[in-house]
Amino acid sequence: MKTAVDAKYYTPLVSDIIGLIHFQGGILNQIGSNELRMLDHFQMGPNLVRGFASNGIGPRDITYYGFGATGDSLGGTKYWGASAELQMPFWFLPKEVGLKGAVYADAGSLWGYQGPTSWPKPGR
């Protein structure tokens, strides 16, 4: 069972500057005797912390096969994220254009992988 929460709060601060606070989190729970599949896990990247690659946050496969580790994303069963942002129109453009800039700070984490921890070697 996957549960996720995503909350945003916008508020005008000064003149045309808008403040935004964003919180998100989720948890994946096993129900019954069915094992969690790797595909069931949360996969996070820029949807949690801007600037990360797709599936770029969380546990990685570091199995060594003689050619190096793949570093593939495994996902996780728990995540949290928080963001603070200031949005403002560009001062050098007319307001009617509608373009805005933003300054932001993001933080987050993904953890709690529950699945297989060993795989057959490639080619077998």
PDB file of N, CA and C in Angstrom:
ATOM      1  N   MET A   1       0.852  -1.165   0.000  1.00  0.00           N
ATOM      2  CA  MET A   1       0.000   0.000   0.000  1.00  0.00           C
ATOM      3  C   MET A   1       0.901   1.232   0.000  1.00  0.00           C
ATOM      4  N   LYS A   2       0.708   2.097  -0.988  1.00  0.00           N
ATOM      5  CA  LYS A   2       1.478   3.336  -1.096  1.00  0.00           C
ATOM      6  C   LYS A   2       0.654   4.493  -0.563  1.00  0.00           C
ATOM      7  N   THR A   3       1.270   5.298   0.292  1.00  0.00           N
ATOM      8  CA  THR A   3       0.634   6.499   0.808  1.00  0.00           C
ATOM      9  C   THR A   3       1.557   7.670   0.525  1.00  0.00           C
ATOM     10  N   ALA A   4       1.018   8.735  -0.042  1.00  0.00           N
ATOM     11  CA  ALA A   4       1.825   9.925  -0.347  1.00  0.00           C
ATOM     12  C   ALA A   4       1.045  11.178   0.034  1.00  0.00           C
ATOM     13  N   VAL A   5       1.785  12.172   0.521  1.00  0.00           N
ATOM     14  CA  VAL A   5       1.212  13.464   0.898  1.00  0.00           C
ATOM     15  C   VAL A   5       1.996  14.544   0.171  1.00  0.00           C
ATOM     16  N   ASP A   6       1.286  15.510  -0.378  1.00  0.00           N
ATOM     17  CA  ASP A   6       1.918  16.622  -1.090  1.00  0.00           C
ATOM     18  C   ASP A   6       1.134  17.887  -0.753  1.00  0.00           C
ATOM     19  N   ALA A   7       1.765  18.841  -0.078  1.00  0.00           N
ATOM     20  CA  ALA A   7       1.077  20.064   0.345  1.00  0.00           C
ATOM     21  C   ALA A   7       1.874  21.287  -0.079  1.00  0.00           C
ATOM     22  N   LYS A   8       1.175  22.282  -0.619  1.00  0.00           N
ATOM     23  CA  LYS A   8       1.794  23.547  -1.032  1.00  0.00           C
ATOM     24  C   LYS A   8       1.020  24.698  -0.420  1.00  0.00           C
ATOM     25  N   TYR A   9       1.760  25.733  -0.030  1.00  0.00           N
ATOM     26  CA  TYR A   9       1.130  26.925   0.514  1.00  0.00           C
ATOM     27  C   TYR A   9       1.747  28.146  -0.161  1.00  0.00           C
ATOM     28  N   TYR A  10       0.916  28.912  -0.843  1.00  0.00           N
ATOM     29  CA  TYR A  10       1.328  30.146  -1.507  1.00  0.00           C
ATOM     30  C   TYR A  10       0.833  31.333  -0.698  1.00  0.00           C
ATOM     31  N   THR A  11       1.655  32.384  -0.597  1.00  0.00           N
ATOM     32  CA  THR A  11       1.212  33.600   0.082  1.00  0.00           C
ATOM     33  C   THR A  11       1.933  34.811  -0.507  1.00  0.00           C
ATOM     34  N   PRO A  12       1.205  35.919  -0.718  1.00  0.00           N
ATOM     35  CA  PRO A  12       1.879  37.142  -1.172  1.00  0.00           C
ATOM     36  C   PRO A  12       2.721  37.711  -0.025  1.00  0.00           C
ATOM     37  N   LEU A  13       3.936  38.134  -0.333  1.00  0.00           N
ATOM     38  CA  LEU A  13       4.820  38.662   0.703  1.00  0.00           C
ATOM     39  C   LEU A  13       4.926  40.184   0.617  1.00  0.00           C
ATOM     40  N   VAL A  14       5.569  40.671  -0.429  1.00  0.00           N
ATOM     41  CA  VAL A  14       5.755  42.105  -0.626  1.00  0.00           C
ATOM     42  C   VAL A  14       5.491  42.409  -2.092  1.00  0.00           C
ATOM     43  N   SER A  15       4.697  43.430  -2.348  1.00  0.00           N
ATOM     44  CA  SER A  15       4.405  43.863  -3.718  1.00  0.00           C
ATOM     45  C   SER A  15       3.998  42.663  -4.578  1.00  0.00           C
ATOM     46  N   ASP A  16       4.806  42.308  -5.590  1.00  0.00           N
ATOM     47  CA  ASP A  16       4.488  41.201  -6.496  1.00  0.00           C
ATOM     48  C   ASP A  16       5.265  39.926  -6.175  1.00  0.00           C
ATOM     49  N   ILE A  17       5.876  39.852  -5.008  1.00  0.00           N
ATOM     50  CA  ILE A  17       6.658  38.670  -4.633  1.00  0.00           C
ATOM     51  C   ILE A  17       5.754  37.674  -3.901  1.00  0.00           C
ATOM     52  N   ILE A  18       5.782  36.433  -4.396  1.00  0.00           N
ATOM     53  CA  ILE A  18       4.961  35.355  -3.836  1.00  0.00           C
ATOM     54  C   ILE A  18       5.872  34.351  -3.138  1.00  0.00           C
ATOM     55  N   GLY A  19       5.511  33.948  -1.929  1.00  0.00           N
ATOM     56  CA  GLY A  19       6.235  32.909  -1.209  1.00  0.00           C
ATOM     57  C   GLY A  19       5.529  31.576  -1.363  1.00  0.00           C
ATOM     58  N   LEU A  20       6.298  30.524  -1.462  1.00  0.00           N
ATOM     59  CA  LEU A  20       5.766  29.171  -1.601  1.00  0.00           C
ATOM     60  C   LEU A  20       6.524  28.247  -0.664  1.00  0.00           C
ATOM     61  N   ILE A  21       5.792  27.463   0.100  1.00  0.00           N
ATOM     62  CA  ILE A  21       6.367  26.393   0.911  1.00  0.00           C
ATOM     63  C   ILE A  21       5.727  25.098   0.444  1.00  0.00           C
ATOM     64  N   HIS A  22       6.564  24.089   0.218  1.00  0.00           N
ATOM     65  CA  HIS A  22       6.094  22.817  -0.341  1.00  0.00           C
ATOM     66  C   HIS A  22       6.662  21.677   0.496  1.00  0.00           C
ATOM     67  N   PHE A  23       5.790  20.802   0.998  1.00  0.00           N
ATOM     68  CA  PHE A  23       6.192  19.616   1.739  1.00  0.00           C
ATOM     69  C   PHE A  23       5.613  18.391   1.044  1.00  0.00           C
ATOM     70  N   GLN A  24       6.387  17.311   1.018  1.00  0.00           N
ATOM     71  CA  GLN A  24       5.893  16.058   0.459  1.00  0.00           C
ATOM     72  C   GLN A  24       6.549  14.881   1.182  1.00  0.00           C
ATOM     73  N   GLY A  25       5.856  13.771   1.174  1.00  0.00           N
ATOM     74  CA  GLY A  25       6.384  12.571   1.805  1.00  0.00           C
ATOM     75  C   GLY A  25       5.566  11.361   1.407  1.00  0.00           C
ATOM     76  N   GLY A  26       6.153  10.199   1.584  1.00  0.00           N
ATOM     77  CA  GLY A  26       5.443   8.983   1.235  1.00  0.00           C
ATOM     78  C   GLY A  26       6.030   7.781   1.925  1.00  0.00           C
ATOM     79  N   ILE A  27       5.222   6.734   2.003  1.00  0.00           N
ATOM     80  CA  ILE A  27       5.651   5.475   2.607  1.00  0.00           C
ATOM     81  C   ILE A  27       4.977   4.325   1.861  1.00  0.00           C
ATOM     82  N   LEU A  28       5.718   3.251   1.687  1.00  0.00           N
ATOM     83  CA  LEU A  28       5.232   2.033   1.035  1.00  0.00           C
ATOM     84  C   LEU A  28       5.241   0.926   2.072  1.00  0.00           C
ATOM     85  N   ASN A  29       4.092   0.310   2.294  1.00  0.00           N
ATOM     86  CA  ASN A  29       3.973  -0.766   3.281  1.00  0.00           C
ATOM     87  C   ASN A  29       3.608  -2.072   2.598  1.00  0.00           C
ATOM     88  N   GLN A  30       4.214  -3.145   3.066  1.00  0.00           N
ATOM     89  CA  GLN A  30       3.900  -4.486   2.579  1.00  0.00           C
ATOM     90  C   GLN A  30       2.628  -4.956   3.267  1.00  0.00           C
ATOM     91  N   ILE A  31       1.708  -5.502   2.493  1.00  0.00           N
ATOM     92  CA  ILE A  31       0.474  -6.040   3.049  1.00  0.00           C
ATOM     93  C   ILE A  31       0.457  -7.540   2.801  1.00  0.00           C
ATOM     94  N   GLY A  32       0.224  -8.298   3.857  1.00  0.00           N
ATOM     95  CA  GLY A  32       0.192  -9.751   3.724  1.00  0.00           C
ATOM     96  C   GLY A  32       1.583 -10.324   3.548  1.00  0.00           C
ATOM     97  N   SER A  33       1.653 -11.482   2.904  1.00  0.00           N
ATOM     98  CA  SER A  33       2.936 -12.175   2.749  1.00  0.00           C
ATOM     99  C   SER A  33       3.607 -11.881   1.410  1.00  0.00           C
ATOM    100  N   ASN A  34       2.974 -11.055   0.573  1.00  0.00           N
ATOM    101  CA  ASN A  34       3.571 -10.720  -0.714  1.00  0.00           C
ATOM    102  C   ASN A  34       4.798  -9.846  -0.516  1.00  0.00           C
ATOM    103  N   GLU A  35       5.902 -10.208  -1.170  1.00  0.00           N
ATOM    104  CA  GLU A  35       7.118  -9.403  -1.088  1.00  0.00           C
ATOM    105  C   GLU A  35       6.968  -8.164  -1.962  1.00  0.00           C
ATOM    106  N   LEU A  36       7.645  -7.103  -1.567  1.00  0.00           N
ATOM    107  CA  LEU A  36       7.643  -5.881  -2.378  1.00  0.00           C
ATOM    108  C   LEU A  36       8.525  -6.088  -3.600  1.00  0.00           C
ATOM    109  N   ARG A  37       8.019  -5.690  -4.753  1.00  0.00           N
ATOM    110  CA  ARG A  37       8.810  -5.762  -5.972  1.00  0.00           C
ATOM    111  C   ARG A  37       9.608  -4.471  -6.120  1.00  0.00           C
ATOM    112  N   MET A  38      10.704  -4.536  -6.842  1.00  0.00           N
ATOM    113  CA  MET A  38      11.510  -3.347  -7.074  1.00  0.00           C
ATOM    114  C   MET A  38      10.677  -2.273  -7.775  1.00  0.00           C
ATOM    115  N   LEU A  39       9.780  -2.688  -8.657  1.00  0.00           N
ATOM    116  CA  LEU A  39       8.947  -1.733  -9.387  1.00  0.00           C
ATOM    117  C   LEU A  39       7.929  -1.029  -8.496  1.00  0.00           C
ATOM    118  N   ASP A  40       7.644  -1.586  -7.318  1.00  0.00           N
ATOM    119  CA  ASP A  40       6.700  -0.968  -6.392  1.00  0.00           C
ATOM    120  C   ASP A  40       7.315   0.207  -5.639  1.00  0.00           C
ATOM    121  N   HIS A  41       8.633   0.231  -5.512  1.00  0.00           N
ATOM    122  CA  HIS A  41       9.324   1.252  -4.727  1.00  0.00           C
ATOM    123  C   HIS A  41       9.170   2.644  -5.358  1.00  0.00           C
ATOM    124  N   PHE A  42       9.271   3.658  -4.513  1.00  0.00           N
ATOM    125  CA  PHE A  42       9.296   5.035  -4.995  1.00  0.00           C
ATOM    126  C   PHE A  42      10.611   5.270  -5.736  1.00  0.00           C
ATOM    127  N   GLN A  43      10.549   5.985  -6.849  1.00  0.00           N
ATOM    128  CA  GLN A  43      11.726   6.405  -7.605  1.00  0.00           C
ATOM    129  C   GLN A  43      11.693   7.926  -7.636  1.00  0.00           C
ATOM    130  N   MET A  44      12.729   8.567  -7.136  1.00  0.00           N
ATOM    131  CA  MET A  44      12.712  10.023  -7.026  1.00  0.00           C
ATOM    132  C   MET A  44      13.892  10.658  -7.743  1.00  0.00           C
ATOM    133  N   GLY A  45      13.660  11.854  -8.203  1.00  0.00           N
ATOM    134  CA  GLY A  45      14.682  12.657  -8.869  1.00  0.00           C
ATOM    135  C   GLY A  45      14.272  14.108  -8.798  1.00  0.00           C
ATOM    136  N   PRO A  46      14.104  14.764  -9.958  1.00  0.00           N
ATOM    137  CA  PRO A  46      13.762  16.184  -9.946  1.00  0.00           C
ATOM    138  C   PRO A  46      12.359  16.467  -9.415  1.00  0.00           C
ATOM    139  N   ASN A  47      11.509  15.451  -9.301  1.00  0.00           N
ATOM    140  CA  ASN A  47      10.192  15.656  -8.698  1.00  0.00           C
ATOM    141  C   ASN A  47      10.301  15.832  -7.180  1.00  0.00           C
ATOM    142  N   LEU A  48      11.465  15.515  -6.603  1.00  0.00           N
ATOM    143  CA  LEU A  48      11.701  15.686  -5.171  1.00  0.00           C
ATOM    144  C   LEU A  48      12.669  16.846  -4.915  1.00  0.00           C
ATOM    145  N   VAL A  49      13.806  16.829  -5.597  1.00  0.00           N
ATOM    146  CA  VAL A  49      14.808  17.888  -5.466  1.00  0.00           C
ATOM    147  C   VAL A  49      15.233  18.303  -6.869  1.00  0.00           C
ATOM    148  N   ARG A  50      14.935  19.545  -7.241  1.00  0.00           N
ATOM    149  CA  ARG A  50      15.262  20.034  -8.580  1.00  0.00           C
ATOM    150  C   ARG A  50      16.758  19.918  -8.848  1.00  0.00           C
ATOM    151  N   GLY A  51      17.098  19.564 -10.086  1.00  0.00           N
ATOM    152  CA  GLY A  51      18.491  19.454 -10.488  1.00  0.00           C
ATOM    153  C   GLY A  51      19.016  18.032 -10.522  1.00  0.00           C
ATOM    154  N   PHE A  52      18.326  17.096  -9.880  1.00  0.00           N
ATOM    155  CA  PHE A  52      18.759  15.702  -9.912  1.00  0.00           C
ATOM    156  C   PHE A  52      18.250  15.030 -11.179  1.00  0.00           C
ATOM    157  N   ALA A  53      18.969  14.009 -11.617  1.00  0.00           N
ATOM    158  CA  ALA A  53      18.542  13.223 -12.766  1.00  0.00           C
ATOM    159  C   ALA A  53      17.313  12.396 -12.394  1.00  0.00           C
ATOM    160  N   SER A  54      16.585  11.944 -13.397  1.00  0.00           N
ATOM    161  CA  SER A  54      15.460  11.045 -13.163  1.00  0.00           C
ATOM    162  C   SER A  54      15.966   9.814 -12.402  1.00  0.00           C
ATOM    163  N   ASN A  55      15.288   9.428 -11.344  1.00  0.00           N
ATOM    164  CA  ASN A  55      15.699   8.310 -10.468  1.00  0.00           C
ATOM    165  C   ASN A  55      17.085   8.543  -9.871  1.00  0.00           C
ATOM    166  N   GLY A  56      17.463   9.800  -9.686  1.00  0.00           N
ATOM    167  CA  GLY A  56      18.811  10.130  -9.227  1.00  0.00           C
ATOM    168  C   GLY A  56      18.984  10.181  -7.722  1.00  0.00           C
ATOM    169  N   ILE A  57      17.932   9.982  -6.959  1.00  0.00           N
ATOM    170  CA  ILE A  57      18.025  10.052  -5.501  1.00  0.00           C
ATOM    171  C   ILE A  57      17.708   8.676  -4.923  1.00  0.00           C
ATOM    172  N   GLY A  58      18.462   8.268  -3.918  1.00  0.00           N
ATOM    173  CA  GLY A  58      18.145   7.036  -3.207  1.00  0.00           C
ATOM    174  C   GLY A  58      19.178   5.939  -3.376  1.00  0.00           C
ATOM    175  N   PRO A  59      18.867   4.751  -2.825  1.00  0.00           N
ATOM    176  CA  PRO A  59      19.800   3.623  -2.856  1.00  0.00           C
ATOM    177  C   PRO A  59      20.155   3.205  -4.275  1.00  0.00           C
ATOM    178  N   ARG A  60      21.404   2.723  -4.440  1.00  0.00           N
ATOM    179  CA  ARG A  60      21.924   2.302  -5.741  1.00  0.00           C
ATOM    180  C   ARG A  60      22.422   0.865  -5.671  1.00  0.00           C
ATOM    181  N   ASP A  61      22.414   0.212  -6.831  1.00  0.00           N
ATOM    182  CA  ASP A  61      23.003  -1.119  -6.965  1.00  0.00           C
ATOM    183  C   ASP A  61      24.508  -0.940  -7.098  1.00  0.00           C
ATOM    184  N   ILE A  62      25.258  -1.462  -6.125  1.00  0.00           N
ATOM    185  CA  ILE A  62      26.719  -1.361  -6.197  1.00  0.00           C
ATOM    186  C   ILE A  62      27.351  -2.742  -6.353  1.00  0.00           C
ATOM    187  N   THR A  63      26.567  -3.708  -6.881  1.00  0.00           N
ATOM    188  CA  THR A  63      27.089  -5.051  -7.122  1.00  0.00           C
ATOM    189  C   THR A  63      28.229  -4.959  -8.131  1.00  0.00           C
ATOM    190  N   TYR A  64      29.347  -5.575  -7.821  1.00  0.00           N
ATOM    191  CA  TYR A  64      30.529  -5.524  -8.687  1.00  0.00           C
ATOM    192  C   TYR A  64      30.621  -6.816  -9.488  1.00  0.00           C
ATOM    193  N   TYR A  65      30.681  -6.702 -10.839  1.00  0.00           N
ATOM    194  CA  TYR A  65      30.737  -7.871 -11.712  1.00  0.00           C
ATOM    195  C   TYR A  65      32.062  -8.003 -12.450  1.00  0.00           C
ATOM    196  N   GLY A  66      33.093  -7.299 -12.037  1.00  0.00           N
ATOM    197  CA  GLY A  66      34.360  -7.361 -12.751  1.00  0.00           C
ATOM    198  C   GLY A  66      34.483  -6.259 -13.784  1.00  0.00           C
ATOM    199  N   PHE A  67      33.377  -5.690 -14.210  1.00  0.00           N
ATOM    200  CA  PHE A  67      33.391  -4.581 -15.161  1.00  0.00           C
ATOM    201  C   PHE A  67      33.006  -3.277 -14.479  1.00  0.00           C
ATOM    202  N   GLY A  68      32.784  -3.330 -13.197  1.00  0.00           N
ATOM    203  CA  GLY A  68      32.354  -2.151 -12.454  1.00  0.00           C
ATOM    204  C   GLY A  68      30.904  -2.289 -12.020  1.00  0.00           C
ATOM    205  N   ALA A  69      30.518  -1.454 -11.091  1.00  0.00           N
ATOM    206  CA  ALA A  69      29.139  -1.465 -10.589  1.00  0.00           C
ATOM    207  C   ALA A  69      28.247  -0.682 -11.545  1.00  0.00           C
ATOM    208  N   THR A  70      26.985  -1.107 -11.661  1.00  0.00           N
ATOM    209  CA  THR A  70      26.065  -0.427 -12.574  1.00  0.00           C
ATOM    210  C   THR A  70      25.562   0.878 -11.993  1.00  0.00           C
ATOM    211  N   GLY A  71      25.364   0.933 -10.684  1.00  0.00           N
ATOM    212  CA  GLY A  71      24.853   2.149 -10.057  1.00  0.00           C
ATOM    213  C   GLY A  71      23.391   2.401 -10.340  1.00  0.00           C
ATOM    214  N   ASP A  72      22.661   1.367 -10.766  1.00  0.00           N
ATOM    215  CA  ASP A  72      21.234   1.538 -11.071  1.00  0.00           C
ATOM    216  C   ASP A  72      20.451   1.911  -9.816  1.00  0.00           C
ATOM    217  N   SER A  73      19.411   2.693  -9.991  1.00  0.00           N
ATOM    218  CA  SER A  73      18.556   3.098  -8.886  1.00  0.00           C
ATOM    219  C   SER A  73      17.698   1.922  -8.431  1.00  0.00           C
ATOM    220  N   LEU A  74      17.623   1.737  -7.102  1.00  0.00           N
ATOM    221  CA  LEU A  74      16.789   0.674  -6.546  1.00  0.00           C
ATOM    222  C   LEU A  74      15.464   1.207  -6.025  1.00  0.00           C
ATOM    223  N   GLY A  75      15.413   2.489  -5.702  1.00  0.00           N
ATOM    224  CA  GLY A  75      14.205   3.068  -5.133  1.00  0.00           C
ATOM    225  C   GLY A  75      14.199   2.905  -3.626  1.00  0.00           C
ATOM    226  N   GLY A  76      13.078   3.237  -3.012  1.00  0.00           N
ATOM    227  CA  GLY A  76      12.966   3.138  -1.563  1.00  0.00           C
ATOM    228  C   GLY A  76      11.519   3.087  -1.132  1.00  0.00           C
ATOM    229  N   THR A  77      11.306   2.788   0.141  1.00  0.00           N
ATOM    230  CA  THR A  77       9.951   2.670   0.668  1.00  0.00           C
ATOM    231  C   THR A  77       9.503   3.924   1.422  1.00  0.00           C
ATOM    232  N   LYS A  78      10.425   4.870   1.628  1.00  0.00           N
ATOM    233  CA  LYS A  78      10.067   6.103   2.346  1.00  0.00           C
ATOM    234  C   LYS A  78      10.770   7.285   1.689  1.00  0.00           C
ATOM    235  N   TYR A  79      10.088   8.425   1.655  1.00  0.00           N
ATOM    236  CA  TYR A  79      10.728   9.643   1.162  1.00  0.00           C
ATOM    237  C   TYR A  79      10.113  10.861   1.827  1.00  0.00           C
ATOM    238  N   TRP A  80      10.869  11.947   1.822  1.00  0.00           N
ATOM    239  CA  TRP A  80      10.383  13.247   2.271  1.00  0.00           C
ATOM    240  C   TRP A  80      11.045  14.307   1.404  1.00  0.00           C
ATOM    241  N   GLY A  81      10.395  15.426   1.302  1.00  0.00           N
ATOM    242  CA  GLY A  81      10.952  16.552   0.566  1.00  0.00           C
ATOM    243  C   GLY A  81      10.360  17.849   1.078  1.00  0.00           C
ATOM    244  N   ALA A  82      11.149  18.913   1.008  1.00  0.00           N
ATOM    245  CA  ALA A  82      10.694  20.238   1.424  1.00  0.00           C
ATOM    246  C   ALA A  82      11.315  21.271   0.498  1.00  0.00           C
ATOM    247  N   SER A  83      10.583  22.333   0.253  1.00  0.00           N
ATOM    248  CA  SER A  83      11.053  23.385  -0.636  1.00  0.00           C
ATOM    249  C   SER A  83      10.524  24.730  -0.163  1.00  0.00           C
ATOM    250  N   ALA A  84      11.366  25.739  -0.265  1.00  0.00           N
ATOM    251  CA  ALA A  84      10.955  27.124  -0.021  1.00  0.00           C
ATOM    252  C   ALA A  84      11.309  27.915  -1.278  1.00  0.00           C
ATOM    253  N   GLU A  85      10.398  28.770  -1.715  1.00  0.00           N
ATOM    254  CA  GLU A  85      10.577  29.455  -2.997  1.00  0.00           C
ATOM    255  C   GLU A  85      10.012  30.859  -2.936  1.00  0.00           C
ATOM    256  N   LEU A  86      10.691  31.779  -3.611  1.00  0.00           N
ATOM    257  CA  LEU A  86      10.192  33.138  -3.826  1.00  0.00           C
ATOM    258  C   LEU A  86      10.021  33.327  -5.327  1.00  0.00           C
ATOM    259  N   GLN A  87       8.805  33.705  -5.745  1.00  0.00           N
ATOM    260  CA  GLN A  87       8.517  33.949  -7.162  1.00  0.00           C
ATOM    261  C   GLN A  87       8.273  35.433  -7.355  1.00  0.00           C
ATOM    262  N   MET A  88       8.861  35.983  -8.434  1.00  0.00           N
ATOM    263  CA  MET A  88       8.686  37.405  -8.701  1.00  0.00           C
ATOM    264  C   MET A  88       8.708  37.657 -10.203  1.00  0.00           C
ATOM    265  N   PRO A  89       7.963  38.662 -10.659  1.00  0.00           N
ATOM    266  CA  PRO A  89       8.008  38.983 -12.082  1.00  0.00           C
ATOM    267  C   PRO A  89       9.350  39.622 -12.430  1.00  0.00           C
ATOM    268  N   PHE A  90       9.764  39.469 -13.671  1.00  0.00           N
ATOM    269  CA  PHE A  90      10.985  40.133 -14.128  1.00  0.00           C
ATOM    270  C   PHE A  90      10.725  41.635 -14.204  1.00  0.00           C
ATOM    271  N   TRP A  91      11.582  42.416 -13.551  1.00  0.00           N
ATOM    272  CA  TRP A  91      11.381  43.865 -13.477  1.00  0.00           C
ATOM    273  C   TRP A  91      11.552  44.557 -14.819  1.00  0.00           C
ATOM    274  N   PHE A  92      12.244  43.913 -15.750  1.00  0.00           N
ATOM    275  CA  PHE A  92      12.526  44.549 -17.047  1.00  0.00           C
ATOM    276  C   PHE A  92      11.486  44.216 -18.112  1.00  0.00           C
ATOM    277  N   LEU A  93      10.447  43.443 -17.762  1.00  0.00           N
ATOM    278  CA  LEU A  93       9.378  43.098 -18.696  1.00  0.00           C
ATOM    279  C   LEU A  93       8.052  43.654 -18.190  1.00  0.00           C
ATOM    280  N   PRO A  94       7.151  44.011 -19.092  1.00  0.00           N
ATOM    281  CA  PRO A  94       5.819  44.436 -18.648  1.00  0.00           C
ATOM    282  C   PRO A  94       5.108  43.280 -17.930  1.00  0.00           C
ATOM    283  N   LYS A  95       4.290  43.597 -16.924  1.00  0.00           N
ATOM    284  CA  LYS A  95       3.570  42.562 -16.169  1.00  0.00           C
ATOM    285  C   LYS A  95       2.684  41.710 -17.073  1.00  0.00           C
ATOM    286  N   GLU A  96       2.184  42.305 -18.142  1.00  0.00           N
ATOM    287  CA  GLU A  96       1.276  41.602 -19.044  1.00  0.00           C
ATOM    288  C   GLU A  96       1.935  40.392 -19.705  1.00  0.00           C
ATOM    289  N   VAL A  97       3.270  40.381 -19.785  1.00  0.00           N
ATOM    290  CA  VAL A  97       3.976  39.257 -20.395  1.00  0.00           C
ATOM    291  C   VAL A  97       3.772  37.993 -19.557  1.00  0.00           C
ATOM    292  N   GLY A  98       3.730  38.130 -18.228  1.00  0.00           N
ATOM    293  CA  GLY A  98       3.430  37.009 -17.341  1.00  0.00           C
ATOM    294  C   GLY A  98       4.603  36.110 -16.993  1.00  0.00           C
ATOM    295  N   LEU A  99       5.821  36.467 -17.400  1.00  0.00           N
ATOM    296  CA  LEU A  99       6.985  35.652 -17.052  1.00  0.00           C
ATOM    297  C   LEU A  99       7.470  36.002 -15.655  1.00  0.00           C
ATOM    298  N   LYS A 100       7.856  34.959 -14.902  1.00  0.00           N
ATOM    299  CA  LYS A 100       8.344  35.158 -13.539  1.00  0.00           C
ATOM    300  C   LYS A 100       9.659  34.425 -13.350  1.00  0.00           C
ATOM    301  N   GLY A 101      10.437  34.905 -12.407  1.00  0.00           N
ATOM    302  CA  GLY A 101      11.652  34.227 -11.982  1.00  0.00           C
ATOM    303  C   GLY A 101      11.428  33.676 -10.587  1.00  0.00           C
ATOM    304  N   ALA A 102      12.322  32.801 -10.150  1.00  0.00           N
ATOM    305  CA  ALA A 102      12.182  32.212  -8.817  1.00  0.00           C
ATOM    306  C   ALA A 102      13.553  31.949  -8.208  1.00  0.00           C
ATOM    307  N   VAL A 103      13.601  32.064  -6.900  1.00  0.00           N
ATOM    308  CA  VAL A 103      14.753  31.668  -6.098  1.00  0.00           C
ATOM    309  C   VAL A 103      14.224  30.603  -5.151  1.00  0.00           C
ATOM    310  N   TYR A 104      14.928  29.462  -5.066  1.00  0.00           N
ATOM    311  CA  TYR A 104      14.388  28.370  -4.264  1.00  0.00           C
ATOM    312  C   TYR A 104      15.499  27.590  -3.567  1.00  0.00           C
ATOM    313  N   ALA A 105      15.102  26.827  -2.566  1.00  0.00           N
ATOM    314  CA  ALA A 105      15.968  25.860  -1.886  1.00  0.00           C
ATOM    315  C   ALA A 105      15.149  24.590  -1.689  1.00  0.00           C
ATOM    316  N   ASP A 106      15.719  23.454  -2.092  1.00  0.00           N
ATOM    317  CA  ASP A 106      15.061  22.155  -1.970  1.00  0.00           C
ATOM    318  C   ASP A 106      15.901  21.226  -1.091  1.00  0.00           C
ATOM    319  N   ALA A 107      15.242  20.311  -0.430  1.00  0.00           N
ATOM    320  CA  ALA A 107      15.916  19.253   0.327  1.00  0.00           C
ATOM    321  C   ALA A 107      15.015  18.027   0.322  1.00  0.00           C
ATOM    322  N   GLY A 108      15.605  16.851   0.394  1.00  0.00           N
ATOM    323  CA  GLY A 108      14.796  15.638   0.426  1.00  0.00           C
ATOM    324  C   GLY A 108      15.652  14.405   0.535  1.00  0.00           C
ATOM    325  N   SER A 109      14.997  13.280   0.766  1.00  0.00           N
ATOM    326  CA  SER A 109      15.695  12.010   0.892  1.00  0.00           C
ATOM    327  C   SER A 109      14.752  10.863   0.534  1.00  0.00           C
ATOM    328  N   LEU A 110      15.335   9.792   0.031  1.00  0.00           N
ATOM    329  CA  LEU A 110      14.622   8.552  -0.300  1.00  0.00           C
ATOM    330  C   LEU A 110      15.428   7.405   0.291  1.00  0.00           C
ATOM    331  N   TRP A 111      14.790   6.518   1.050  1.00  0.00           N
ATOM    332  CA  TRP A 111      15.512   5.436   1.698  1.00  0.00           C
ATOM    333  C   TRP A 111      14.572   4.261   1.953  1.00  0.00           C
ATOM    334  N   GLY A 112      15.119   3.191   2.533  1.00  0.00           N
ATOM    335  CA  GLY A 112      14.306   2.054   2.958  1.00  0.00           C
ATOM    336  C   GLY A 112      14.050   1.020   1.885  1.00  0.00           C
ATOM    337  N   TYR A 113      15.023   0.763   0.992  1.00  0.00           N
ATOM    338  CA  TYR A 113      14.827  -0.264  -0.024  1.00  0.00           C
ATOM    339  C   TYR A 113      14.568  -1.608   0.652  1.00  0.00           C
ATOM    340  N   GLN A 114      13.528  -2.317   0.211  1.00  0.00           N
ATOM    341  CA  GLN A 114      13.205  -3.654   0.717  1.00  0.00           C
ATOM    342  C   GLN A 114      12.961  -4.564  -0.473  1.00  0.00           C
ATOM    343  N   GLY A 115      13.942  -5.279  -0.849  1.00  0.00           N
ATOM    344  CA  GLY A 115      13.810  -6.167  -1.992  1.00  0.00           C
ATOM    345  C   GLY A 115      15.033  -7.040  -2.099  1.00  0.00           C
ATOM    346  N   PRO A 116      15.200  -7.705  -3.229  1.00  0.00           N
ATOM    347  CA  PRO A 116      16.362  -8.574  -3.380  1.00  0.00           C
ATOM    348  C   PRO A 116      17.657  -7.757  -3.291  1.00  0.00           C
ATOM    349  N   THR A 117      18.669  -8.363  -2.708  1.00  0.00           N
ATOM    350  CA  THR A 117      19.957  -7.678  -2.597  1.00  0.00           C
ATOM    351  C   THR A 117      21.052  -8.400  -3.367  1.00  0.00           C
ATOM    352  N   SER A 118      20.683  -9.438  -4.104  1.00  0.00           N
ATOM    353  CA  SER A 118      21.656 -10.090  -4.984  1.00  0.00           C
ATOM    354  C   SER A 118      20.938 -10.528  -6.246  1.00  0.00           C
ATOM    355  N   TRP A 119      21.644 -10.433  -7.366  1.00  0.00           N
ATOM    356  CA  TRP A 119      21.102 -10.788  -8.660  1.00  0.00           C
ATOM    357  C   TRP A 119      22.094 -11.693  -9.374  1.00  0.00           C
ATOM    358  N   PRO A 120      21.603 -12.509 -10.311  1.00  0.00           N
ATOM    359  CA  PRO A 120      22.541 -13.342 -11.050  1.00  0.00           C
ATOM    360  C   PRO A 120      23.495 -12.477 -11.894  1.00  0.00           C
ATOM    361  N   LYS A 121      24.699 -13.002 -12.113  1.00  0.00           N
ATOM    362  CA  LYS A 121      25.657 -12.263 -12.932  1.00  0.00           C
ATOM    363  C   LYS A 121      25.141 -12.163 -14.355  1.00  0.00           C
ATOM    364  N   PRO A 122      25.461 -11.072 -15.057  1.00  0.00           N
ATOM    365  CA  PRO A 122      24.998 -10.915 -16.442  1.00  0.00           C
ATOM    366  C   PRO A 122      25.498 -12.080 -17.303  1.00  0.00           C
ATOM    367  N   GLY A 123      24.660 -12.548 -18.212  1.00  0.00           N
ATOM    368  CA  GLY A 123      25.009 -13.621 -19.126  1.00  0.00           C
ATOM    369  C   GLY A 123      24.772 -15.011 -18.563  1.00  0.00           C
ATOM    370  N   ARG A 124      24.151 -15.086 -17.381  1.00  0.00           N
ATOM    371  CA  ARG A 124      23.899 -16.421 -16.803  1.00  0.00           C
ATOM    372  C   ARG A 124      22.425 -16.678 -16.682  1.00  0.00           C
TER     373      ARG A 124
END
